[in-house]
Amino acid sequence: MKLDYKEIGRRIARRRKELKLTQAAVEERAEIGDKYLTNIERGVSIPSTEVVMRLAAALETTPDEFLVGAARHEGEEWRSVAELLRPLDEKQLRLARSLLLWLSEQKL
C-alpha cells in the first residue's frame, strides 16, 4: 500500500479546521517545530510515525483517520495507547508497529 502524503495532509488540515484550531496551536500541542505542520498539510514534508501519533493525539482522533480516512472517536482507549508510544525511539516504534500489525491480523 502506497501512502498519499498530499491526501494525508488534507485529512490533517480538515480535522484541524473541524476543531477550529490554528496550525500554531496544533504544533504546540503536538510538540512539533514551527511551520512543520504547514509542510505536512501541503504534502511537502513526510511525517514520521511518531509525528502522526502526536498529531492524532493533538487533534483528538486516531492515526487511521489521517492514514486511511477512517476515524475512531468512540472510547478513549486509543489515547492511552498513543501516549505509551510517545516516548519511544525509532527502533522501538518500528517494533511496536510490527506488533500492532501482527495483532490486527489475529482473529481473537
N, C-alpha and C. Protein backbone atom coordinates (compact mmCIF):
# COMPACT_ATOMS: atom_id res chain seq x y z
N MET A 1 0.84 -1.17 0.00
CA MET A 1 0.00 0.00 0.00
C MET A 1 0.89 1.24 0.00
N LYS A 2 0.70 2.11 -0.96
CA LYS A 2 1.46 3.34 -1.06
C LYS A 2 0.65 4.47 -0.44
N LEU A 3 1.29 5.22 0.45
CA LEU A 3 0.61 6.32 1.13
C LEU A 3 0.63 7.57 0.26
N ASP A 4 -0.49 8.27 0.23
CA ASP A 4 -0.62 9.53 -0.50
C ASP A 4 -0.46 10.65 0.52
N TYR A 5 0.74 11.23 0.58
CA TYR A 5 1.04 12.22 1.61
C TYR A 5 0.28 13.53 1.42
N LYS A 6 -0.10 13.85 0.21
CA LYS A 6 -0.93 15.05 0.00
C LYS A 6 -2.32 14.83 0.60
N GLU A 7 -2.86 13.62 0.41
CA GLU A 7 -4.17 13.30 0.99
C GLU A 7 -4.09 13.25 2.51
N ILE A 8 -3.02 12.70 3.04
CA ILE A 8 -2.83 12.67 4.49
C ILE A 8 -2.81 14.10 5.03
N GLY A 9 -2.10 14.98 4.34
CA GLY A 9 -2.05 16.39 4.74
C GLY A 9 -3.41 17.05 4.70
N ARG A 10 -4.20 16.73 3.67
CA ARG A 10 -5.56 17.29 3.58
C ARG A 10 -6.43 16.79 4.74
N ARG A 11 -6.29 15.53 5.09
CA ARG A 11 -7.08 14.99 6.20
C ARG A 11 -6.70 15.65 7.52
N ILE A 12 -5.41 15.88 7.72
CA ILE A 12 -4.95 16.55 8.94
C ILE A 12 -5.51 17.97 8.98
N ALA A 13 -5.43 18.68 7.86
CA ALA A 13 -5.94 20.06 7.80
C ALA A 13 -7.45 20.09 8.05
N ARG A 14 -8.17 19.13 7.47
CA ARG A 14 -9.62 19.08 7.65
C ARG A 14 -9.97 18.89 9.12
N ARG A 15 -9.28 17.97 9.79
CA ARG A 15 -9.55 17.72 11.20
C ARG A 15 -9.20 18.95 12.04
N ARG A 16 -8.09 19.59 11.74
CA ARG A 16 -7.69 20.80 12.46
C ARG A 16 -8.76 21.88 12.33
N LYS A 17 -9.26 22.05 11.14
CA LYS A 17 -10.29 23.06 10.89
C LYS A 17 -11.61 22.70 11.56
N GLU A 18 -11.94 21.40 11.61
CA GLU A 18 -13.15 20.96 12.33
C GLU A 18 -13.09 21.40 13.79
N LEU A 19 -11.90 21.33 14.37
CA LEU A 19 -11.72 21.70 15.77
C LEU A 19 -11.46 23.20 15.94
N LYS A 20 -11.43 23.93 14.82
CA LYS A 20 -11.20 25.38 14.83
C LYS A 20 -9.88 25.74 15.51
N LEU A 21 -8.83 25.01 15.16
CA LEU A 21 -7.50 25.25 15.71
C LEU A 21 -6.59 25.84 14.65
N THR A 22 -5.68 26.69 15.07
CA THR A 22 -4.67 27.21 14.17
C THR A 22 -3.55 26.19 14.02
N GLN A 23 -2.76 26.36 12.97
CA GLN A 23 -1.61 25.48 12.80
C GLN A 23 -0.65 25.62 13.97
N ALA A 24 -0.45 26.84 14.43
CA ALA A 24 0.46 27.09 15.56
C ALA A 24 -0.01 26.37 16.83
N ALA A 25 -1.32 26.38 17.06
CA ALA A 25 -1.86 25.71 18.25
C ALA A 25 -1.63 24.21 18.18
N VAL A 26 -1.83 23.63 17.01
CA VAL A 26 -1.62 22.18 16.84
C VAL A 26 -0.14 21.84 16.96
N GLU A 27 0.73 22.68 16.38
CA GLU A 27 2.17 22.44 16.50
C GLU A 27 2.59 22.44 17.97
N GLU A 28 2.03 23.35 18.73
CA GLU A 28 2.35 23.42 20.16
C GLU A 28 1.84 22.17 20.89
N ARG A 29 0.59 21.80 20.63
CA ARG A 29 0.01 20.61 21.27
C ARG A 29 0.79 19.34 20.92
N ALA A 30 1.21 19.24 19.66
CA ALA A 30 1.90 18.04 19.19
C ALA A 30 3.41 18.09 19.44
N GLU A 31 3.87 19.24 19.94
CA GLU A 31 5.29 19.43 20.22
C GLU A 31 6.14 19.17 18.97
N ILE A 32 5.72 19.82 17.86
CA ILE A 32 6.50 19.75 16.63
C ILE A 32 6.95 21.15 16.26
N GLY A 33 7.92 21.24 15.39
CA GLY A 33 8.53 22.51 15.04
C GLY A 33 7.61 23.49 14.34
N ASP A 34 7.99 24.74 14.46
CA ASP A 34 7.28 25.84 13.83
C ASP A 34 7.27 25.66 12.31
N LYS A 35 6.11 25.79 11.70
CA LYS A 35 5.89 25.69 10.24
C LYS A 35 5.94 24.25 9.71
N TYR A 36 6.23 23.27 10.56
CA TYR A 36 6.28 21.88 10.11
C TYR A 36 4.89 21.41 9.67
N LEU A 37 3.86 21.79 10.42
CA LEU A 37 2.50 21.38 10.08
C LEU A 37 2.08 21.92 8.72
N THR A 38 2.48 23.14 8.41
CA THR A 38 2.18 23.72 7.10
C THR A 38 2.70 22.81 5.99
N ASN A 39 3.94 22.36 6.13
CA ASN A 39 4.54 21.49 5.12
C ASN A 39 3.88 20.12 5.07
N ILE A 40 3.46 19.59 6.21
CA ILE A 40 2.76 18.31 6.23
C ILE A 40 1.41 18.45 5.53
N GLU A 41 0.67 19.50 5.87
CA GLU A 41 -0.66 19.70 5.29
C GLU A 41 -0.60 19.90 3.77
N ARG A 42 0.50 20.45 3.27
CA ARG A 42 0.65 20.65 1.82
C ARG A 42 1.26 19.43 1.13
N GLY A 43 1.64 18.41 1.90
CA GLY A 43 2.23 17.22 1.32
C GLY A 43 3.69 17.39 0.95
N VAL A 44 4.34 18.44 1.46
CA VAL A 44 5.74 18.71 1.17
C VAL A 44 6.64 17.88 2.08
N SER A 45 6.28 17.78 3.36
CA SER A 45 7.04 17.00 4.33
C SER A 45 6.31 15.70 4.62
N ILE A 46 7.09 14.64 4.79
CA ILE A 46 6.54 13.33 5.13
C ILE A 46 6.73 13.12 6.63
N PRO A 47 5.62 13.06 7.38
CA PRO A 47 5.74 12.92 8.83
C PRO A 47 6.14 11.50 9.24
N SER A 48 6.93 11.41 10.29
CA SER A 48 7.29 10.10 10.85
C SER A 48 6.08 9.51 11.56
N THR A 49 6.18 8.25 11.91
CA THR A 49 5.12 7.59 12.67
C THR A 49 4.86 8.33 13.98
N GLU A 50 5.93 8.74 14.62
CA GLU A 50 5.79 9.46 15.89
C GLU A 50 5.03 10.77 15.70
N VAL A 51 5.32 11.50 14.64
CA VAL A 51 4.64 12.77 14.39
C VAL A 51 3.17 12.53 14.08
N VAL A 52 2.86 11.49 13.31
CA VAL A 52 1.45 11.16 13.03
C VAL A 52 0.73 10.86 14.33
N MET A 53 1.38 10.12 15.22
CA MET A 53 0.77 9.81 16.52
C MET A 53 0.56 11.08 17.35
N ARG A 54 1.53 11.96 17.35
CA ARG A 54 1.40 13.22 18.10
C ARG A 54 0.28 14.09 17.54
N LEU A 55 0.20 14.15 16.21
CA LEU A 55 -0.86 14.95 15.59
C LEU A 55 -2.23 14.36 15.89
N ALA A 56 -2.33 13.03 15.87
CA ALA A 56 -3.61 12.39 16.18
C ALA A 56 -4.04 12.73 17.61
N ALA A 57 -3.10 12.65 18.55
CA ALA A 57 -3.43 12.98 19.94
C ALA A 57 -3.81 14.46 20.06
N ALA A 58 -3.06 15.33 19.39
CA ALA A 58 -3.33 16.77 19.45
C ALA A 58 -4.68 17.12 18.84
N LEU A 59 -5.08 16.34 17.83
CA LEU A 59 -6.34 16.61 17.13
C LEU A 59 -7.47 15.67 17.58
N GLU A 60 -7.25 15.00 18.71
CA GLU A 60 -8.29 14.19 19.36
C GLU A 60 -8.91 13.16 18.41
N THR A 61 -8.05 12.43 17.73
CA THR A 61 -8.52 11.39 16.83
C THR A 61 -7.49 10.26 16.81
N THR A 62 -7.62 9.36 15.87
CA THR A 62 -6.69 8.25 15.74
C THR A 62 -5.87 8.41 14.46
N PRO A 63 -4.68 7.84 14.42
CA PRO A 63 -3.84 7.96 13.23
C PRO A 63 -4.52 7.44 11.96
N ASP A 64 -5.39 6.46 12.10
CA ASP A 64 -6.03 5.91 10.90
C ASP A 64 -6.93 6.93 10.21
N GLU A 65 -7.40 7.94 10.92
CA GLU A 65 -8.17 9.00 10.25
C GLU A 65 -7.30 9.70 9.22
N PHE A 66 -6.04 9.91 9.54
CA PHE A 66 -5.13 10.57 8.61
C PHE A 66 -4.60 9.62 7.55
N LEU A 67 -4.26 8.41 7.95
CA LEU A 67 -3.60 7.48 7.04
C LEU A 67 -4.56 6.84 6.04
N VAL A 68 -5.76 6.45 6.50
CA VAL A 68 -6.70 5.77 5.59
C VAL A 68 -8.08 6.43 5.55
N GLY A 69 -8.26 7.50 6.30
CA GLY A 69 -9.52 8.22 6.26
C GLY A 69 -10.62 7.64 7.12
N ALA A 70 -10.26 6.78 8.07
CA ALA A 70 -11.26 6.16 8.95
C ALA A 70 -11.00 6.57 10.39
N ALA A 71 -11.92 7.32 10.96
CA ALA A 71 -11.75 7.81 12.33
C ALA A 71 -12.45 6.91 13.32
N ARG A 72 -11.88 6.83 14.49
CA ARG A 72 -12.50 6.11 15.60
C ARG A 72 -12.56 7.06 16.78
N HIS A 73 -13.74 7.56 17.05
CA HIS A 73 -13.89 8.52 18.15
C HIS A 73 -14.53 7.91 19.39
N GLU A 74 -15.07 6.73 19.28
CA GLU A 74 -15.72 6.14 20.44
C GLU A 74 -14.68 5.63 21.43
N GLY A 75 -14.91 5.88 22.71
CA GLY A 75 -13.99 5.43 23.74
C GLY A 75 -12.70 6.22 23.73
N GLU A 76 -11.90 6.03 24.73
CA GLU A 76 -10.65 6.76 24.85
C GLU A 76 -9.44 5.85 24.95
N GLU A 77 -9.62 4.55 24.76
CA GLU A 77 -8.52 3.60 24.92
C GLU A 77 -7.37 3.88 23.97
N TRP A 78 -7.67 4.29 22.75
CA TRP A 78 -6.61 4.57 21.77
C TRP A 78 -5.66 5.64 22.27
N ARG A 79 -6.18 6.60 23.03
CA ARG A 79 -5.35 7.69 23.52
C ARG A 79 -4.29 7.19 24.49
N SER A 80 -4.67 6.27 25.37
CA SER A 80 -3.70 5.75 26.32
C SER A 80 -2.61 4.95 25.59
N VAL A 81 -2.99 4.25 24.52
CA VAL A 81 -2.01 3.52 23.72
C VAL A 81 -1.09 4.52 23.01
N ALA A 82 -1.65 5.57 22.45
CA ALA A 82 -0.84 6.60 21.77
C ALA A 82 0.15 7.23 22.73
N GLU A 83 -0.27 7.48 23.96
CA GLU A 83 0.62 8.08 24.94
C GLU A 83 1.78 7.15 25.30
N LEU A 84 1.53 5.84 25.28
CA LEU A 84 2.62 4.90 25.54
C LEU A 84 3.67 4.94 24.43
N LEU A 85 3.25 5.26 23.22
CA LEU A 85 4.17 5.30 22.09
C LEU A 85 4.99 6.59 22.04
N ARG A 86 4.50 7.63 22.64
CA ARG A 86 5.13 8.95 22.54
C ARG A 86 6.62 8.96 22.90
N PRO A 87 7.06 8.34 24.01
CA PRO A 87 8.48 8.45 24.37
C PRO A 87 9.40 7.46 23.66
N LEU A 88 8.86 6.59 22.82
CA LEU A 88 9.68 5.55 22.19
C LEU A 88 10.59 6.13 21.12
N ASP A 89 11.78 5.50 20.97
CA ASP A 89 12.67 5.91 19.89
C ASP A 89 12.26 5.21 18.60
N GLU A 90 12.94 5.52 17.49
CA GLU A 90 12.55 4.98 16.18
C GLU A 90 12.56 3.45 16.15
N LYS A 91 13.56 2.84 16.74
CA LYS A 91 13.66 1.38 16.77
C LYS A 91 12.49 0.76 17.54
N GLN A 92 12.16 1.35 18.67
CA GLN A 92 11.05 0.87 19.47
C GLN A 92 9.72 1.07 18.74
N LEU A 93 9.57 2.19 18.03
CA LEU A 93 8.34 2.45 17.28
C LEU A 93 8.17 1.43 16.14
N ARG A 94 9.26 1.08 15.48
CA ARG A 94 9.17 0.05 14.42
C ARG A 94 8.71 -1.28 15.02
N LEU A 95 9.26 -1.63 16.16
CA LEU A 95 8.87 -2.87 16.83
C LEU A 95 7.40 -2.82 17.25
N ALA A 96 6.98 -1.68 17.82
CA ALA A 96 5.58 -1.51 18.23
C ALA A 96 4.65 -1.62 17.03
N ARG A 97 5.03 -1.02 15.91
CA ARG A 97 4.23 -1.09 14.69
C ARG A 97 4.10 -2.53 14.22
N SER A 98 5.21 -3.27 14.23
CA SER A 98 5.17 -4.68 13.83
C SER A 98 4.22 -5.48 14.73
N LEU A 99 4.32 -5.23 16.02
CA LEU A 99 3.44 -5.92 16.96
C LEU A 99 1.98 -5.58 16.70
N LEU A 100 1.68 -4.30 16.47
CA LEU A 100 0.30 -3.89 16.22
C LEU A 100 -0.22 -4.46 14.90
N LEU A 101 0.62 -4.52 13.89
CA LEU A 101 0.21 -5.15 12.63
C LEU A 101 -0.12 -6.62 12.83
N TRP A 102 0.76 -7.31 13.57
CA TRP A 102 0.52 -8.73 13.84
C TRP A 102 -0.78 -8.88 14.63
N LEU A 103 -0.96 -8.06 15.65
CA LEU A 103 -2.16 -8.14 16.48
C LEU A 103 -3.43 -7.89 15.67
N SER A 104 -3.37 -6.94 14.74
CA SER A 104 -4.55 -6.63 13.93
C SER A 104 -4.92 -7.79 13.00
N GLU A 105 -4.00 -8.66 12.71
CA GLU A 105 -4.27 -9.80 11.84
C GLU A 105 -4.84 -11.01 12.59
N GLN A 106 -4.80 -10.96 13.92
CA GLN A 106 -5.26 -12.09 14.73
C GLN A 106 -6.77 -12.11 14.83
N LYS A 107 -7.33 -13.27 14.79
CA LYS A 107 -8.77 -13.47 14.95
C LYS A 107 -9.01 -13.85 16.42
N LEU A 108 -9.27 -12.85 17.24
CA LEU A 108 -9.44 -13.07 18.69
C LEU A 108 -10.90 -13.23 19.06
